[in-house]
Each structure stands twice: as structure tokens, then as C-alpha cells.
């Protein structure tokens, strides 16, 4: 299993997701108020970029945690499987 127990990583991603959640609520309000479509699209593009950035940062933080944790594991096969999973996840960001 790949997970992070680092409280700083959890706090950081939670705060970023809260900001993104606020942006989403703002877009819903813009739609309800019949705001200009260009403004709405611009905000949706910003939300997409924020999600992508948050996702990449989270995976990088988890990868660092796992790499540090891998040094404490004695099973090389488990290490290879975790690294393969992390590489696969990072590949999905392109």
C-alpha cells in the first residue's frame, strides 16, 4: 500500500483542496448569476490547473515519504513494487 503518514503533507493538501473547493463554489455562483461565459471558463481553467498542481505535489510528497520508508524495508521485491506503482502514478500526470 502507498500512503502518507506525514502530517505536514496531509495539512498542505487539505488546505489546497479547500481553496479549490472554494473556487468551485464560486463558479457555481457565477453560473447561477448568469455571469459571462468567458469568466466562467477562465475560472474552470484555473481550477483544472490547481487540481493538477495539487495532485502532482501530493504524489511527489508521497513518493518522497515512500522512498524514505523504503530504506527501512528489508524486502527488495516490495521496494520494486512500490517504486513501480509510484512511477506509474507519476506517468499519469502527463
PDB file of N, CA and C in Angstrom:
ATOM      1  N   UNK A   1       0.843  -1.173   0.000  1.00  0.00           N
ATOM      2  CA  UNK A   1       0.000   0.000   0.000  1.00  0.00           C
ATOM      3  C   UNK A   1       0.895   1.246   0.000  1.00  0.00           C
ATOM      4  N   UNK A   2       0.457   2.236  -0.755  1.00  0.00           N
ATOM      5  CA  UNK A   2       1.163   3.520  -0.794  1.00  0.00           C
ATOM      6  C   UNK A   2       0.299   4.517  -0.040  1.00  0.00           C
ATOM      7  N   UNK A   3       0.886   5.127   0.973  1.00  0.00           N
ATOM      8  CA  UNK A   3       0.161   6.128   1.754  1.00  0.00           C
ATOM      9  C   UNK A   3       1.163   7.065   2.401  1.00  0.00           C
ATOM     10  N   UNK A   4       0.646   8.168   2.882  1.00  0.00           N
ATOM     11  CA  UNK A   4       1.499   9.094   3.604  1.00  0.00           C
ATOM     12  C   UNK A   4       0.977   9.229   5.028  1.00  0.00           C
ATOM     13  N   UNK A   5       1.897   9.237   5.944  1.00  0.00           N
ATOM     14  CA  UNK A   5       1.532   9.472   7.341  1.00  0.00           C
ATOM     15  C   UNK A   5       2.086  10.811   7.812  1.00  0.00           C
ATOM     16  N   UNK A   6       2.718  11.515   6.894  1.00  0.00           N
ATOM     17  CA  UNK A   6       3.322  12.801   7.212  1.00  0.00           C
ATOM     18  C   UNK A   6       2.229  13.846   7.439  1.00  0.00           C
ATOM     19  N   UNK A   7       2.105  14.374   8.661  1.00  0.00           N
ATOM     20  CA  UNK A   7       1.038  15.343   8.936  1.00  0.00           C
ATOM     21  C   UNK A   7       1.185  16.642   8.138  1.00  0.00           C
ATOM     22  N   UNK A   8       2.401  17.032   7.811  1.00  0.00           N
ATOM     23  CA  UNK A   8       2.600  18.248   7.015  1.00  0.00           C
ATOM     24  C   UNK A   8       2.043  18.073   5.608  1.00  0.00           C
ATOM     25  N   UNK A   9       2.261  16.907   5.019  1.00  0.00           N
ATOM     26  CA  UNK A   9       1.737  16.621   3.683  1.00  0.00           C
ATOM     27  C   UNK A   9       0.217  16.633   3.717  1.00  0.00           C
ATOM     28  N   UNK A  10      -0.355  15.981   4.722  1.00  0.00           N
ATOM     29  CA  UNK A  10      -1.816  15.937   4.835  1.00  0.00           C
ATOM     30  C   UNK A  10      -2.404  17.332   5.010  1.00  0.00           C
ATOM     31  N   UNK A  11      -1.791  18.141   5.861  1.00  0.00           N
ATOM     32  CA  UNK A  11      -2.281  19.501   6.093  1.00  0.00           C
ATOM     33  C   UNK A  11      -2.174  20.337   4.828  1.00  0.00           C
ATOM     34  N   UNK A  12      -1.053  20.237   4.143  1.00  0.00           N
ATOM     35  CA  UNK A  12      -0.831  21.018   2.927  1.00  0.00           C
ATOM     36  C   UNK A  12      -1.868  20.676   1.861  1.00  0.00           C
ATOM     37  N   UNK A  13      -2.069  19.390   1.601  1.00  0.00           N
ATOM     38  CA  UNK A  13      -3.019  19.005   0.552  1.00  0.00           C
ATOM     39  C   UNK A  13      -4.449  19.350   0.963  1.00  0.00           C
ATOM     40  N   UNK A  14      -4.767  19.225   2.237  1.00  0.00           N
ATOM     41  CA  UNK A  14      -6.108  19.571   2.710  1.00  0.00           C
ATOM     42  C   UNK A  14      -6.394  21.047   2.502  1.00  0.00           C
ATOM     43  N   UNK A  15      -5.413  21.913   2.803  1.00  0.00           N
ATOM     44  CA  UNK A  15      -5.604  23.352   2.597  1.00  0.00           C
ATOM     45  C   UNK A  15      -5.770  23.676   1.116  1.00  0.00           C
ATOM     46  N   UNK A  16      -4.958  23.043   0.274  1.00  0.00           N
ATOM     47  CA  UNK A  16      -5.071  23.302  -1.165  1.00  0.00           C
ATOM     48  C   UNK A  16      -6.433  22.859  -1.683  1.00  0.00           C
ATOM     49  N   UNK A  17      -6.894  21.701  -1.236  1.00  0.00           N
ATOM     50  CA  UNK A  17      -8.193  21.212  -1.686  1.00  0.00           C
ATOM     51  C   UNK A  17      -9.329  22.111  -1.188  1.00  0.00           C
ATOM     52  N   UNK A  18      -9.174  22.682  -0.009  1.00  0.00           N
ATOM     53  CA  UNK A  18     -10.184  23.618   0.500  1.00  0.00           C
ATOM     54  C   UNK A  18     -10.257  24.869  -0.376  1.00  0.00           C
ATOM     55  N   UNK A  19      -9.102  25.356  -0.822  1.00  0.00           N
ATOM     56  CA  UNK A  19      -9.101  26.517  -1.720  1.00  0.00           C
ATOM     57  C   UNK A  19      -9.773  26.170  -3.042  1.00  0.00           C
ATOM     58  N   UNK A  20      -9.486  24.980  -3.561  1.00  0.00           N
ATOM     59  CA  UNK A  20     -10.096  24.545  -4.817  1.00  0.00           C
ATOM     60  C   UNK A  20     -11.604  24.402  -4.638  1.00  0.00           C
ATOM     61  N   UNK A  21     -12.006  23.877  -3.498  1.00  0.00           N
ATOM     62  CA  UNK A  21     -13.428  23.740  -3.193  1.00  0.00           C
ATOM     63  C   UNK A  21     -14.106  25.113  -3.207  1.00  0.00           C
ATOM     64  N   UNK A  22     -13.433  26.113  -2.665  1.00  0.00           N
ATOM     65  CA  UNK A  22     -13.968  27.476  -2.687  1.00  0.00           C
ATOM     66  C   UNK A  22     -14.089  28.011  -4.108  1.00  0.00           C
ATOM     67  N   UNK A  23     -13.099  27.695  -4.938  1.00  0.00           N
ATOM     68  CA  UNK A  23     -13.168  28.113  -6.337  1.00  0.00           C
ATOM     69  C   UNK A  23     -14.364  27.466  -7.035  1.00  0.00           C
ATOM     70  N   UNK A  24     -14.605  26.204  -6.755  1.00  0.00           N
ATOM     71  CA  UNK A  24     -15.746  25.506  -7.358  1.00  0.00           C
ATOM     72  C   UNK A  24     -17.068  26.145  -6.934  1.00  0.00           C
ATOM     73  N   UNK A  25     -17.171  26.467  -5.649  1.00  0.00           N
ATOM     74  CA  UNK A  25     -18.392  27.137  -5.180  1.00  0.00           C
ATOM     75  C   UNK A  25     -18.563  28.484  -5.884  1.00  0.00           C
ATOM     76  N   UNK A  26     -17.450  29.173  -6.105  1.00  0.00           N
ATOM     77  CA  UNK A  26     -17.507  30.449  -6.806  1.00  0.00           C
ATOM     78  C   UNK A  26     -18.011  30.303  -8.227  1.00  0.00           C
ATOM     79  N   UNK A  27     -17.587  29.260  -8.906  1.00  0.00           N
ATOM     80  CA  UNK A  27     -18.042  29.024 -10.277  1.00  0.00           C
ATOM     81  C   UNK A  27     -19.537  28.683 -10.293  1.00  0.00           C
ATOM     82  N   UNK A  28     -19.973  27.881  -9.329  1.00  0.00           N
ATOM     83  CA  UNK A  28     -21.399  27.569  -9.252  1.00  0.00           C
ATOM     84  C   UNK A  28     -22.210  28.849  -9.070  1.00  0.00           C
ATOM     85  N   UNK A  29     -21.709  29.746  -8.253  1.00  0.00           N
ATOM     86  CA  UNK A  29     -22.388  31.023  -8.027  1.00  0.00           C
ATOM     87  C   UNK A  29     -22.390  31.863  -9.308  1.00  0.00           C
ATOM     88  N   UNK A  30     -21.264  31.866 -10.022  1.00  0.00           N
ATOM     89  CA  UNK A  30     -21.172  32.613 -11.278  1.00  0.00           C
ATOM     90  C   UNK A  30     -22.208  32.108 -12.286  1.00  0.00           C
ATOM     91  N   UNK A  31     -22.368  30.783 -12.342  1.00  0.00           N
ATOM     92  CA  UNK A  31     -23.346  30.197 -13.268  1.00  0.00           C
ATOM     93  C   UNK A  31     -24.752  30.600 -12.856  1.00  0.00           C
ATOM     94  N   UNK A  32     -25.039  30.533 -11.561  1.00  0.00           N
ATOM     95  CA  UNK A  32     -26.374  30.902 -11.063  1.00  0.00           C
ATOM     96  C   UNK A  32     -26.681  32.373 -11.342  1.00  0.00           C
ATOM     97  N   UNK A  33     -25.646  33.200 -11.333  1.00  0.00           N
ATOM     98  CA  UNK A  33     -25.820  34.640 -11.569  1.00  0.00           C
ATOM     99  C   UNK A  33     -25.742  34.996 -13.047  1.00  0.00           C
ATOM    100  N   UNK A  34     -25.662  33.998 -13.915  1.00  0.00           N
ATOM    101  CA  UNK A  34     -25.578  34.217 -15.369  1.00  0.00           C
ATOM    102  C   UNK A  34     -24.416  35.117 -15.763  1.00  0.00           C
ATOM    103  N   UNK A  35     -23.265  34.874 -15.161  1.00  0.00           N
ATOM    104  CA  UNK A  35     -22.070  35.649 -15.493  1.00  0.00           C
ATOM    105  C   UNK A  35     -21.581  35.294 -16.889  1.00  0.00           C
ATOM    106  N   UNK A  36     -20.717  36.132 -17.418  1.00  0.00           N
ATOM    107  CA  UNK A  36     -20.156  35.939 -18.751  1.00  0.00           C
ATOM    108  C   UNK A  36     -19.455  34.585 -18.842  1.00  0.00           C
ATOM    109  N   UNK A  37     -19.725  33.867 -19.912  1.00  0.00           N
ATOM    110  CA  UNK A  37     -19.152  32.527 -20.101  1.00  0.00           C
ATOM    111  C   UNK A  37     -17.624  32.547 -20.109  1.00  0.00           C
ATOM    112  N   UNK A  38     -17.045  33.603 -20.641  1.00  0.00           N
ATOM    113  CA  UNK A  38     -15.574  33.685 -20.662  1.00  0.00           C
ATOM    114  C   UNK A  38     -15.004  33.705 -19.251  1.00  0.00           C
ATOM    115  N   UNK A  39     -15.667  34.413 -18.354  1.00  0.00           N
ATOM    116  CA  UNK A  39     -15.219  34.457 -16.960  1.00  0.00           C
ATOM    117  C   UNK A  39     -15.329  33.081 -16.306  1.00  0.00           C
ATOM    118  N   UNK A  40     -16.407  32.384 -16.609  1.00  0.00           N
ATOM    119  CA  UNK A  40     -16.612  31.051 -16.038  1.00  0.00           C
ATOM    120  C   UNK A  40     -15.562  30.083 -16.560  1.00  0.00           C
ATOM    121  N   UNK A  41     -15.338  30.110 -17.860  1.00  0.00           N
ATOM    122  CA  UNK A  41     -14.328  29.216 -18.449  1.00  0.00           C
ATOM    123  C   UNK A  41     -12.949  29.522 -17.878  1.00  0.00           C
ATOM    124  N   UNK A  42     -12.651  30.788 -17.713  1.00  0.00           N
ATOM    125  CA  UNK A  42     -11.363  31.171 -17.141  1.00  0.00           C
ATOM    126  C   UNK A  42     -11.196  30.581 -15.737  1.00  0.00           C
ATOM    127  N   UNK A  43     -12.242  30.621 -14.946  1.00  0.00           N
ATOM    128  CA  UNK A  43     -12.182  30.047 -13.595  1.00  0.00           C
ATOM    129  C   UNK A  43     -12.068  28.529 -13.638  1.00  0.00           C
ATOM    130  N   UNK A  44     -12.765  27.890 -14.579  1.00  0.00           N
ATOM    131  CA  UNK A  44     -12.663  26.433 -14.714  1.00  0.00           C
ATOM    132  C   UNK A  44     -11.246  26.016 -15.119  1.00  0.00           C
ATOM    133  N   UNK A  45     -10.620  26.807 -15.973  1.00  0.00           N
ATOM    134  CA  UNK A  45      -9.231  26.533 -16.360  1.00  0.00           C
ATOM    135  C   UNK A  45      -8.321  26.669 -15.148  1.00  0.00           C
ATOM    136  N   UNK A  46      -8.564  27.677 -14.332  1.00  0.00           N
ATOM    137  CA  UNK A  46      -7.763  27.875 -13.117  1.00  0.00           C
ATOM    138  C   UNK A  46      -7.950  26.712 -12.147  1.00  0.00           C
ATOM    139  N   UNK A  47      -9.183  26.223 -12.037  1.00  0.00           N
ATOM    140  CA  UNK A  47      -9.458  25.091 -11.148  1.00  0.00           C
ATOM    141  C   UNK A  47      -8.737  23.846 -11.647  1.00  0.00           C
ATOM    142  N   UNK A  48      -8.794  23.629 -12.941  1.00  0.00           N
ATOM    143  CA  UNK A  48      -8.098  22.464 -13.513  1.00  0.00           C
ATOM    144  C   UNK A  48      -6.602  22.535 -13.231  1.00  0.00           C
ATOM    145  N   UNK A  49      -6.014  23.691 -13.413  1.00  0.00           N
ATOM    146  CA  UNK A  49      -4.579  23.854 -13.144  1.00  0.00           C
ATOM    147  C   UNK A  49      -4.278  23.643 -11.658  1.00  0.00           C
ATOM    148  N   UNK A  50      -5.152  24.145 -10.796  1.00  0.00           N
ATOM    149  CA  UNK A  50      -4.947  23.980  -9.352  1.00  0.00           C
ATOM    150  C   UNK A  50      -5.032  22.510  -8.947  1.00  0.00           C
ATOM    151  N   UNK A  51      -5.977  21.782  -9.524  1.00  0.00           N
ATOM    152  CA  UNK A  51      -6.106  20.356  -9.217  1.00  0.00           C
ATOM    153  C   UNK A  51      -4.886  19.598  -9.708  1.00  0.00           C
ATOM    154  N   UNK A  52      -4.451  19.908 -10.914  1.00  0.00           N
ATOM    155  CA  UNK A  52      -3.272  19.228 -11.457  1.00  0.00           C
ATOM    156  C   UNK A  52      -2.040  19.504 -10.602  1.00  0.00           C
ATOM    157  N   UNK A  53      -1.872  20.738 -10.202  1.00  0.00           N
ATOM    158  CA  UNK A  53      -0.731  21.104  -9.365  1.00  0.00           C
ATOM    159  C   UNK A  53      -0.799  20.419  -8.003  1.00  0.00           C
ATOM    160  N   UNK A  54      -1.969  20.432  -7.388  1.00  0.00           N
ATOM    161  CA  UNK A  54      -2.141  19.787  -6.085  1.00  0.00           C
ATOM    162  C   UNK A  54      -1.887  18.289  -6.191  1.00  0.00           C
ATOM    163  N   UNK A  55      -2.384  17.678  -7.259  1.00  0.00           N
ATOM    164  CA  UNK A  55      -2.184  16.243  -7.458  1.00  0.00           C
ATOM    165  C   UNK A  55      -0.708  15.908  -7.611  1.00  0.00           C
ATOM    166  N   UNK A  56      -0.033  16.666  -8.426  1.00  0.00           N
ATOM    167  CA  UNK A  56       1.395  16.415  -8.653  1.00  0.00           C
ATOM    168  C   UNK A  56       2.192  16.609  -7.372  1.00  0.00           C
ATOM    169  N   UNK A  57       1.910  17.673  -6.651  1.00  0.00           N
ATOM    170  CA  UNK A  57       2.621  17.913  -5.393  1.00  0.00           C
ATOM    171  C   UNK A  57       2.361  16.804  -4.386  1.00  0.00           C
ATOM    172  N   UNK A  58       1.117  16.337  -4.323  1.00  0.00           N
ATOM    173  CA  UNK A  58       0.781  15.266  -3.395  1.00  0.00           C
ATOM    174  C   UNK A  58       1.524  13.987  -3.755  1.00  0.00           C
ATOM    175  N   UNK A  59       1.524  13.625  -5.028  1.00  0.00           N
ATOM    176  CA  UNK A  59       2.217  12.401  -5.442  1.00  0.00           C
ATOM    177  C   UNK A  59       3.714  12.530  -5.187  1.00  0.00           C
ATOM    178  N   UNK A  60       4.279  13.693  -5.426  1.00  0.00           N
ATOM    179  CA  UNK A  60       5.706  13.891  -5.146  1.00  0.00           C
ATOM    180  C   UNK A  60       5.993  13.730  -3.658  1.00  0.00           C
ATOM    181  N   UNK A  61       5.142  14.305  -2.821  1.00  0.00           N
ATOM    182  CA  UNK A  61       5.330  14.182  -1.372  1.00  0.00           C
ATOM    183  C   UNK A  61       5.203  12.730  -0.924  1.00  0.00           C
ATOM    184  N   UNK A  62       4.216  12.032  -1.457  1.00  0.00           N
ATOM    185  CA  UNK A  62       4.031  10.623  -1.111  1.00  0.00           C
ATOM    186  C   UNK A  62       5.234   9.814  -1.592  1.00  0.00           C
ATOM    187  N   UNK A  63       5.715  10.121  -2.790  1.00  0.00           N
ATOM    188  CA  UNK A  63       6.881   9.407  -3.323  1.00  0.00           C
ATOM    189  C   UNK A  63       8.088   9.607  -2.416  1.00  0.00           C
ATOM    190  N   UNK A  64       8.295  10.826  -1.958  1.00  0.00           N
ATOM    191  CA  UNK A  64       9.418  11.079  -1.055  1.00  0.00           C
ATOM    192  C   UNK A  64       9.264  10.304   0.244  1.00  0.00           C
ATOM    193  N   UNK A  65       8.049  10.303   0.797  1.00  0.00           N
ATOM    194  CA  UNK A  65       7.791   9.528   2.019  1.00  0.00           C
ATOM    195  C   UNK A  65       8.077   8.052   1.794  1.00  0.00           C
ATOM    196  N   UNK A  66       7.600   7.530   0.667  1.00  0.00           N
ATOM    197  CA  UNK A  66       7.792   6.108   0.376  1.00  0.00           C
ATOM    198  C   UNK A  66       9.268   5.784   0.167  1.00  0.00           C
ATOM    199  N   UNK A  67       9.972   6.670  -0.512  1.00  0.00           N
ATOM    200  CA  UNK A  67      11.400   6.420  -0.738  1.00  0.00           C
ATOM    201  C   UNK A  67      12.160   6.401   0.577  1.00  0.00           C
ATOM    202  N   UNK A  68      11.796   7.295   1.460  1.00  0.00           N
ATOM    203  CA  UNK A  68      12.438   7.296   2.777  1.00  0.00           C
ATOM    204  C   UNK A  68      12.084   6.021   3.517  1.00  0.00           C
ATOM    205  N   UNK A  69      10.831   5.627   3.447  1.00  0.00           N
ATOM    206  CA  UNK A  69      10.370   4.418   4.120  1.00  0.00           C
ATOM    207  C   UNK A  69      10.981   3.165   3.494  1.00  0.00           C
ATOM    208  N   UNK A  70      11.231   3.203   2.187  1.00  0.00           N
ATOM    209  CA  UNK A  70      11.818   2.040   1.523  1.00  0.00           C
ATOM    210  C   UNK A  70      13.178   1.689   2.098  1.00  0.00           C
ATOM    211  N   UNK A  71      13.899   2.686   2.582  1.00  0.00           N
ATOM    212  CA  UNK A  71      15.209   2.425   3.163  1.00  0.00           C
ATOM    213  C   UNK A  71      15.105   1.544   4.404  1.00  0.00           C
ATOM    214  N   UNK A  72      13.950   1.526   5.044  1.00  0.00           N
ATOM    215  CA  UNK A  72      13.762   0.737   6.254  1.00  0.00           C
ATOM    216  C   UNK A  72      13.201  -0.653   5.971  1.00  0.00           C
ATOM    217  N   UNK A  73      12.873  -0.933   4.712  1.00  0.00           N
ATOM    218  CA  UNK A  73      12.296  -2.234   4.387  1.00  0.00           C
ATOM    219  C   UNK A  73      13.391  -3.207   3.976  1.00  0.00           C
ATOM    220  N   UNK A  74      13.197  -4.445   4.355  1.00  0.00           N
ATOM    221  CA  UNK A  74      14.206  -5.452   4.051  1.00  0.00           C
ATOM    222  C   UNK A  74      13.855  -6.279   2.823  1.00  0.00           C
ATOM    223  N   UNK A  75      12.642  -6.138   2.298  1.00  0.00           N
ATOM    224  CA  UNK A  75      12.206  -6.949   1.166  1.00  0.00           C
ATOM    225  C   UNK A  75      12.402  -6.184  -0.141  1.00  0.00           C
ATOM    226  N   UNK A  76      13.382  -6.568  -0.960  1.00  0.00           N
ATOM    227  CA  UNK A  76      13.634  -5.852  -2.217  1.00  0.00           C
ATOM    228  C   UNK A  76      12.459  -5.936  -3.196  1.00  0.00           C
ATOM    229  N   UNK A  77      11.708  -7.033  -3.168  1.00  0.00           N
ATOM    230  CA  UNK A  77      10.566  -7.164  -4.078  1.00  0.00           C
ATOM    231  C   UNK A  77       9.483  -6.148  -3.738  1.00  0.00           C
ATOM    232  N   UNK A  78       9.239  -5.946  -2.460  1.00  0.00           N
ATOM    233  CA  UNK A  78       8.277  -4.927  -2.034  1.00  0.00           C
ATOM    234  C   UNK A  78       8.742  -3.553  -2.477  1.00  0.00           C
ATOM    235  N   UNK A  79      10.021  -3.276  -2.360  1.00  0.00           N
ATOM    236  CA  UNK A  79      10.574  -1.996  -2.800  1.00  0.00           C
ATOM    237  C   UNK A  79      10.332  -1.799  -4.294  1.00  0.00           C
ATOM    238  N   UNK A  80      10.608  -2.830  -5.089  1.00  0.00           N
ATOM    239  CA  UNK A  80      10.409  -2.721  -6.544  1.00  0.00           C
ATOM    240  C   UNK A  80       8.934  -2.483  -6.880  1.00  0.00           C
ATOM    241  N   UNK A  81       8.025  -3.167  -6.201  1.00  0.00           N
ATOM    242  CA  UNK A  81       6.602  -2.987  -6.461  1.00  0.00           C
ATOM    243  C   UNK A  81       6.138  -1.570  -6.125  1.00  0.00           C
ATOM    244  N   UNK A  82       6.580  -1.047  -4.987  1.00  0.00           N
ATOM    245  CA  UNK A  82       6.216   0.319  -4.606  1.00  0.00           C
ATOM    246  C   UNK A  82       6.766   1.334  -5.596  1.00  0.00           C
ATOM    247  N   UNK A  83       8.002   1.147  -6.009  1.00  0.00           N
ATOM    248  CA  UNK A  83       8.607   2.069  -6.980  1.00  0.00           C
ATOM    249  C   UNK A  83       7.859   2.001  -8.308  1.00  0.00           C
ATOM    250  N   UNK A  84       7.487   0.804  -8.741  1.00  0.00           N
ATOM    251  CA  UNK A  84       6.741   0.662  -9.993  1.00  0.00           C
ATOM    252  C   UNK A  84       5.390   1.372  -9.891  1.00  0.00           C
ATOM    253  N   UNK A  85       4.713   1.223  -8.763  1.00  0.00           N
ATOM    254  CA  UNK A  85       3.436   1.909  -8.561  1.00  0.00           C
ATOM    255  C   UNK A  85       3.601   3.419  -8.595  1.00  0.00           C
ATOM    256  N   UNK A  86       4.628   3.920  -7.939  1.00  0.00           N
ATOM    257  CA  UNK A  86       4.870   5.372  -7.921  1.00  0.00           C
ATOM    258  C   UNK A  86       5.194   5.895  -9.307  1.00  0.00           C
ATOM    259  N   UNK A  87       5.996   5.163 -10.046  1.00  0.00           N
ATOM    260  CA  UNK A  87       6.356   5.588 -11.398  1.00  0.00           C
ATOM    261  C   UNK A  87       5.104   5.600 -12.284  1.00  0.00           C
ATOM    262  N   UNK A  88       4.249   4.600 -12.137  1.00  0.00           N
ATOM    263  CA  UNK A  88       3.021   4.540 -12.899  1.00  0.00           C
ATOM    264  C   UNK A  88       2.125   5.734 -12.568  1.00  0.00           C
ATOM    265  N   UNK A  89       1.992   6.074 -11.304  1.00  0.00           N
ATOM    266  CA  UNK A  89       1.176   7.226 -10.911  1.00  0.00           C
ATOM    267  C   UNK A  89       1.748   8.508 -11.495  1.00  0.00           C
ATOM    268  N   UNK A  90       3.051   8.690 -11.415  1.00  0.00           N
ATOM    269  CA  UNK A  90       3.662   9.907 -11.945  1.00  0.00           C
ATOM    270  C   UNK A  90       3.470  10.001 -13.453  1.00  0.00           C
ATOM    271  N   UNK A  91       3.457   8.867 -14.121  1.00  0.00           N
ATOM    272  CA  UNK A  91       3.249   8.869 -15.569  1.00  0.00           C
ATOM    273  C   UNK A  91       1.879   9.345 -15.987  1.00  0.00           C
ATOM    274  N   UNK A  92       0.911   9.265 -15.102  1.00  0.00           N
ATOM    275  CA  UNK A  92      -0.447   9.685 -15.426  1.00  0.00           C
ATOM    276  C   UNK A  92      -0.624  11.200 -15.406  1.00  0.00           C
ATOM    277  N   UNK A  93       0.388  11.923 -14.991  1.00  0.00           N
ATOM    278  CA  UNK A  93       0.268  13.387 -14.919  1.00  0.00           C
ATOM    279  C   UNK A  93       0.628  14.081 -16.209  1.00  0.00           C
ATOM    280  N   UNK A  94       1.108  13.335 -17.173  1.00  0.00           N
ATOM    281  CA  UNK A  94       1.496  13.986 -18.433  1.00  0.00           C
ATOM    282  C   UNK A  94       0.351  14.134 -19.378  1.00  0.00           C
TER     283      UNK A  94
END
